[in-house]
N, C-alpha and C. Protein backbone atom coordinates (compact mmCIF):
# COMPACT_ATOMS: atom_id res chain seq x y z
N UNK A 1 166.79 104.25 56.60
CA UNK A 1 165.76 103.31 56.26
C UNK A 1 165.23 102.70 57.55
N UNK A 2 163.94 102.66 57.66
CA UNK A 2 163.33 102.09 58.86
C UNK A 2 163.17 100.59 58.71
N UNK A 3 162.92 99.92 59.83
CA UNK A 3 162.68 98.48 59.78
C UNK A 3 161.49 98.16 58.88
N UNK A 4 160.47 99.01 58.91
CA UNK A 4 159.27 98.80 58.08
C UNK A 4 159.64 98.79 56.60
N UNK A 5 160.57 99.66 56.19
CA UNK A 5 160.98 99.71 54.79
C UNK A 5 161.60 98.40 54.33
N UNK A 6 162.25 97.66 55.25
CA UNK A 6 162.89 96.40 54.89
C UNK A 6 161.93 95.22 55.00
N UNK A 7 160.77 95.45 55.51
CA UNK A 7 159.76 94.41 55.68
C UNK A 7 159.38 93.86 54.31
N UNK A 8 159.20 92.55 54.22
CA UNK A 8 158.80 91.96 52.94
C UNK A 8 157.37 91.42 52.98
N UNK A 9 156.57 91.93 53.90
CA UNK A 9 155.17 91.51 53.98
C UNK A 9 154.44 91.94 52.71
N UNK A 10 153.33 91.30 52.47
CA UNK A 10 152.52 91.60 51.28
C UNK A 10 152.18 93.08 51.21
N UNK A 11 151.73 93.65 52.31
CA UNK A 11 151.33 95.06 52.32
C UNK A 11 152.52 95.99 52.08
N UNK A 12 153.66 95.65 52.62
CA UNK A 12 154.83 96.51 52.45
C UNK A 12 155.35 96.44 51.02
N UNK A 13 155.39 95.24 50.43
CA UNK A 13 155.79 95.11 49.03
C UNK A 13 154.81 95.89 48.15
N UNK A 14 153.53 95.76 48.43
CA UNK A 14 152.51 96.49 47.67
C UNK A 14 152.76 98.00 47.77
N UNK A 15 153.07 98.47 48.94
CA UNK A 15 153.35 99.89 49.12
C UNK A 15 154.56 100.35 48.32
N UNK A 16 155.59 99.52 48.27
CA UNK A 16 156.77 99.87 47.47
C UNK A 16 156.43 99.91 45.99
N UNK A 17 155.58 99.00 45.54
CA UNK A 17 155.16 99.03 44.13
C UNK A 17 154.43 100.32 43.82
N UNK A 18 153.53 100.71 44.69
CA UNK A 18 152.79 101.96 44.47
C UNK A 18 153.73 103.16 44.50
N UNK A 19 154.65 103.18 45.47
CA UNK A 19 155.62 104.28 45.56
C UNK A 19 156.48 104.35 44.31
N UNK A 20 156.84 103.20 43.79
CA UNK A 20 157.66 103.16 42.57
C UNK A 20 156.90 103.77 41.40
N UNK A 21 155.67 103.32 41.21
CA UNK A 21 154.86 103.87 40.12
C UNK A 21 154.69 105.37 40.28
N UNK A 22 154.39 105.79 41.50
CA UNK A 22 154.19 107.22 41.75
C UNK A 22 155.48 108.01 41.53
N UNK A 23 156.62 107.41 41.80
CA UNK A 23 157.89 108.09 41.57
C UNK A 23 158.10 108.39 40.08
N UNK A 24 157.48 107.60 39.25
CA UNK A 24 157.53 107.83 37.80
C UNK A 24 156.41 108.74 37.33
N UNK A 25 155.60 109.23 38.27
CA UNK A 25 154.49 110.13 37.96
C UNK A 25 153.55 109.55 36.91
N UNK A 26 153.19 108.29 37.09
CA UNK A 26 152.32 107.63 36.11
C UNK A 26 151.08 107.08 36.80
N UNK A 27 149.97 107.12 36.05
CA UNK A 27 148.77 106.44 36.54
C UNK A 27 148.92 104.95 36.25
N UNK A 28 148.01 104.13 36.78
CA UNK A 28 148.15 102.69 36.62
C UNK A 28 148.10 102.25 35.16
N UNK A 29 147.22 102.84 34.37
CA UNK A 29 147.09 102.43 32.97
C UNK A 29 148.39 102.67 32.20
N UNK A 30 148.96 103.86 32.34
CA UNK A 30 150.21 104.18 31.64
C UNK A 30 151.35 103.30 32.16
N UNK A 31 151.38 103.11 33.47
CA UNK A 31 152.42 102.27 34.08
C UNK A 31 152.35 100.85 33.53
N UNK A 32 151.16 100.31 33.45
CA UNK A 32 150.99 98.94 32.97
C UNK A 32 151.42 98.78 31.53
N UNK A 33 151.18 99.79 30.73
CA UNK A 33 151.67 99.76 29.34
C UNK A 33 153.20 99.76 29.33
N UNK A 34 153.80 100.57 30.20
CA UNK A 34 155.27 100.65 30.27
C UNK A 34 155.89 99.33 30.68
N UNK A 35 155.35 98.72 31.72
CA UNK A 35 155.98 97.50 32.27
C UNK A 35 155.44 96.21 31.66
N UNK A 36 154.37 96.29 30.89
CA UNK A 36 153.84 95.11 30.22
C UNK A 36 153.09 94.16 31.14
N UNK A 37 152.37 94.72 32.10
CA UNK A 37 151.57 93.93 33.03
C UNK A 37 150.12 94.38 32.91
N UNK A 38 149.20 93.43 32.90
CA UNK A 38 147.77 93.75 32.82
C UNK A 38 147.36 94.65 34.00
N UNK A 39 146.50 95.60 33.73
CA UNK A 39 146.07 96.55 34.75
C UNK A 39 145.43 95.86 35.95
N UNK A 40 144.59 94.89 35.72
CA UNK A 40 143.94 94.18 36.82
C UNK A 40 144.97 93.49 37.71
N UNK A 41 145.96 92.85 37.09
CA UNK A 41 147.01 92.19 37.86
C UNK A 41 147.78 93.21 38.68
N UNK A 42 148.17 94.33 38.05
CA UNK A 42 148.92 95.36 38.76
C UNK A 42 148.10 95.91 39.92
N UNK A 43 146.85 96.15 39.70
CA UNK A 43 145.99 96.66 40.75
C UNK A 43 146.01 95.69 41.94
N UNK A 44 145.96 94.40 41.68
CA UNK A 44 146.03 93.40 42.75
C UNK A 44 147.36 93.46 43.49
N UNK A 45 148.46 93.65 42.77
CA UNK A 45 149.78 93.73 43.41
C UNK A 45 149.89 94.99 44.26
N UNK A 46 149.48 96.10 43.67
CA UNK A 46 149.63 97.39 44.35
C UNK A 46 148.70 97.54 45.55
N UNK A 47 147.56 96.89 45.52
CA UNK A 47 146.61 96.99 46.63
C UNK A 47 146.87 95.93 47.70
N UNK A 48 147.79 95.01 47.44
CA UNK A 48 148.12 94.00 48.42
C UNK A 48 147.19 92.79 48.41
N UNK A 49 146.41 92.65 47.36
CA UNK A 49 145.56 91.46 47.25
C UNK A 49 146.35 90.24 46.80
N UNK A 50 147.41 90.48 46.04
CA UNK A 50 148.29 89.41 45.58
C UNK A 50 149.73 89.90 45.59
N UNK A 51 150.66 88.97 45.83
CA UNK A 51 152.09 89.31 45.77
C UNK A 51 152.54 89.24 44.31
N UNK A 52 153.30 90.22 43.91
CA UNK A 52 153.85 90.23 42.56
C UNK A 52 154.78 89.04 42.39
N UNK A 53 154.65 88.35 41.26
CA UNK A 53 155.51 87.20 40.99
C UNK A 53 156.90 87.68 40.59
N UNK A 54 157.86 86.79 40.69
CA UNK A 54 159.22 87.15 40.29
C UNK A 54 159.27 87.53 38.81
N UNK A 55 158.52 86.81 37.97
CA UNK A 55 158.50 87.13 36.54
C UNK A 55 157.97 88.54 36.28
N UNK A 56 156.90 88.89 36.97
CA UNK A 56 156.33 90.23 36.81
C UNK A 56 157.27 91.29 37.40
N UNK A 57 157.90 90.98 38.52
CA UNK A 57 158.84 91.92 39.12
C UNK A 57 160.02 92.18 38.18
N UNK A 58 160.47 91.14 37.51
CA UNK A 58 161.57 91.31 36.55
C UNK A 58 161.14 92.23 35.40
N UNK A 59 159.90 92.13 34.97
CA UNK A 59 159.39 93.05 33.94
C UNK A 59 159.50 94.50 34.42
N UNK A 60 159.12 94.72 35.67
CA UNK A 60 159.21 96.07 36.24
C UNK A 60 160.67 96.53 36.24
N UNK A 61 161.56 95.66 36.67
CA UNK A 61 162.98 96.00 36.73
C UNK A 61 163.53 96.32 35.35
N UNK A 62 163.20 95.51 34.37
CA UNK A 62 163.71 95.73 33.02
C UNK A 62 163.18 97.03 32.42
N UNK A 63 161.95 97.37 32.71
CA UNK A 63 161.35 98.58 32.14
C UNK A 63 161.78 99.85 32.85
N UNK A 64 162.15 99.74 34.12
CA UNK A 64 162.36 100.95 34.92
C UNK A 64 163.74 101.10 35.53
N UNK A 65 164.48 100.01 35.65
CA UNK A 65 165.79 100.09 36.28
C UNK A 65 165.76 99.91 37.79
N UNK A 66 164.58 99.75 38.39
CA UNK A 66 164.56 99.44 39.83
C UNK A 66 165.04 98.00 40.00
N UNK A 67 165.35 97.62 41.22
CA UNK A 67 165.91 96.30 41.45
C UNK A 67 164.92 95.38 42.16
N UNK A 68 165.16 94.09 42.01
CA UNK A 68 164.40 93.09 42.75
C UNK A 68 164.57 93.33 44.25
N UNK A 69 165.78 93.69 44.66
CA UNK A 69 166.02 93.98 46.08
C UNK A 69 165.13 95.12 46.57
N UNK A 70 164.90 96.10 45.73
CA UNK A 70 164.02 97.19 46.12
C UNK A 70 162.58 96.67 46.25
N UNK A 71 162.11 95.96 45.26
CA UNK A 71 160.72 95.50 45.27
C UNK A 71 160.43 94.61 46.46
N UNK A 72 161.26 93.59 46.66
CA UNK A 72 160.97 92.60 47.69
C UNK A 72 161.56 92.91 49.07
N UNK A 73 162.67 93.66 49.10
CA UNK A 73 163.34 93.86 50.38
C UNK A 73 163.44 95.32 50.81
N UNK A 74 163.16 96.23 49.91
CA UNK A 74 163.23 97.64 50.26
C UNK A 74 164.64 98.20 50.27
N UNK A 75 165.57 97.50 49.65
CA UNK A 75 166.96 97.96 49.60
C UNK A 75 167.16 98.81 48.36
N UNK A 76 167.48 100.07 48.57
CA UNK A 76 167.61 100.97 47.44
C UNK A 76 168.94 100.83 46.73
N UNK A 77 170.00 100.59 47.45
CA UNK A 77 171.32 100.45 46.85
C UNK A 77 171.91 99.12 47.30
N UNK A 78 171.64 98.11 46.54
CA UNK A 78 172.17 96.80 46.91
C UNK A 78 173.05 96.26 45.81
N UNK A 79 173.96 95.43 46.20
CA UNK A 79 174.81 94.76 45.21
C UNK A 79 175.24 93.43 45.80
N UNK A 80 175.75 92.60 44.93
CA UNK A 80 176.23 91.31 45.39
C UNK A 80 177.49 91.50 46.23
N UNK A 81 177.68 90.65 47.23
CA UNK A 81 178.94 90.70 47.98
C UNK A 81 180.12 90.48 47.04
N UNK A 82 181.25 91.13 47.30
CA UNK A 82 182.40 91.01 46.39
C UNK A 82 182.81 89.58 46.08
N UNK A 83 182.82 88.70 47.08
CA UNK A 83 183.23 87.32 46.84
C UNK A 83 182.27 86.62 45.89
N UNK A 84 180.99 86.91 45.99
CA UNK A 84 180.01 86.31 45.08
C UNK A 84 180.25 86.81 43.66
N UNK A 85 180.54 88.10 43.52
CA UNK A 85 180.83 88.65 42.19
C UNK A 85 182.03 87.96 41.56
N UNK A 86 183.08 87.75 42.35
CA UNK A 86 184.29 87.07 41.85
C UNK A 86 183.94 85.67 41.37
N UNK A 87 183.19 84.94 42.19
CA UNK A 87 182.83 83.57 41.83
C UNK A 87 181.95 83.53 40.58
N UNK A 88 181.03 84.47 40.46
CA UNK A 88 180.19 84.51 39.27
C UNK A 88 181.00 84.81 38.01
N UNK A 89 181.98 85.70 38.14
CA UNK A 89 182.83 86.02 36.99
C UNK A 89 183.63 84.80 36.55
N UNK A 90 184.03 83.97 37.49
CA UNK A 90 184.77 82.74 37.15
C UNK A 90 183.89 81.78 36.37
N UNK A 91 182.58 81.85 36.56
CA UNK A 91 181.65 80.91 35.94
C UNK A 91 181.25 81.30 34.53
N UNK A 92 181.76 82.38 34.01
CA UNK A 92 181.38 82.85 32.66
C UNK A 92 181.66 81.85 31.61
């Protein structure tokens, strides 16, 4: 992974959104139906005119299985640190 892939700039996040949609081999209209986001809003996110909100990013994650870490940070395989997982389990 290059430093650019980990960049969280508006343009880089937009590029990851486009790459994600393309990885599913979907056009914007079909993608928007899948993830439940208006086409105009998605177009703004994917073109870098607006940053995707956390709520909209969560919709993408729920519909596709990609992670927030992928969308915002470019991390393909991320997980919580073990100590954080232990502490969260204690809080159940």
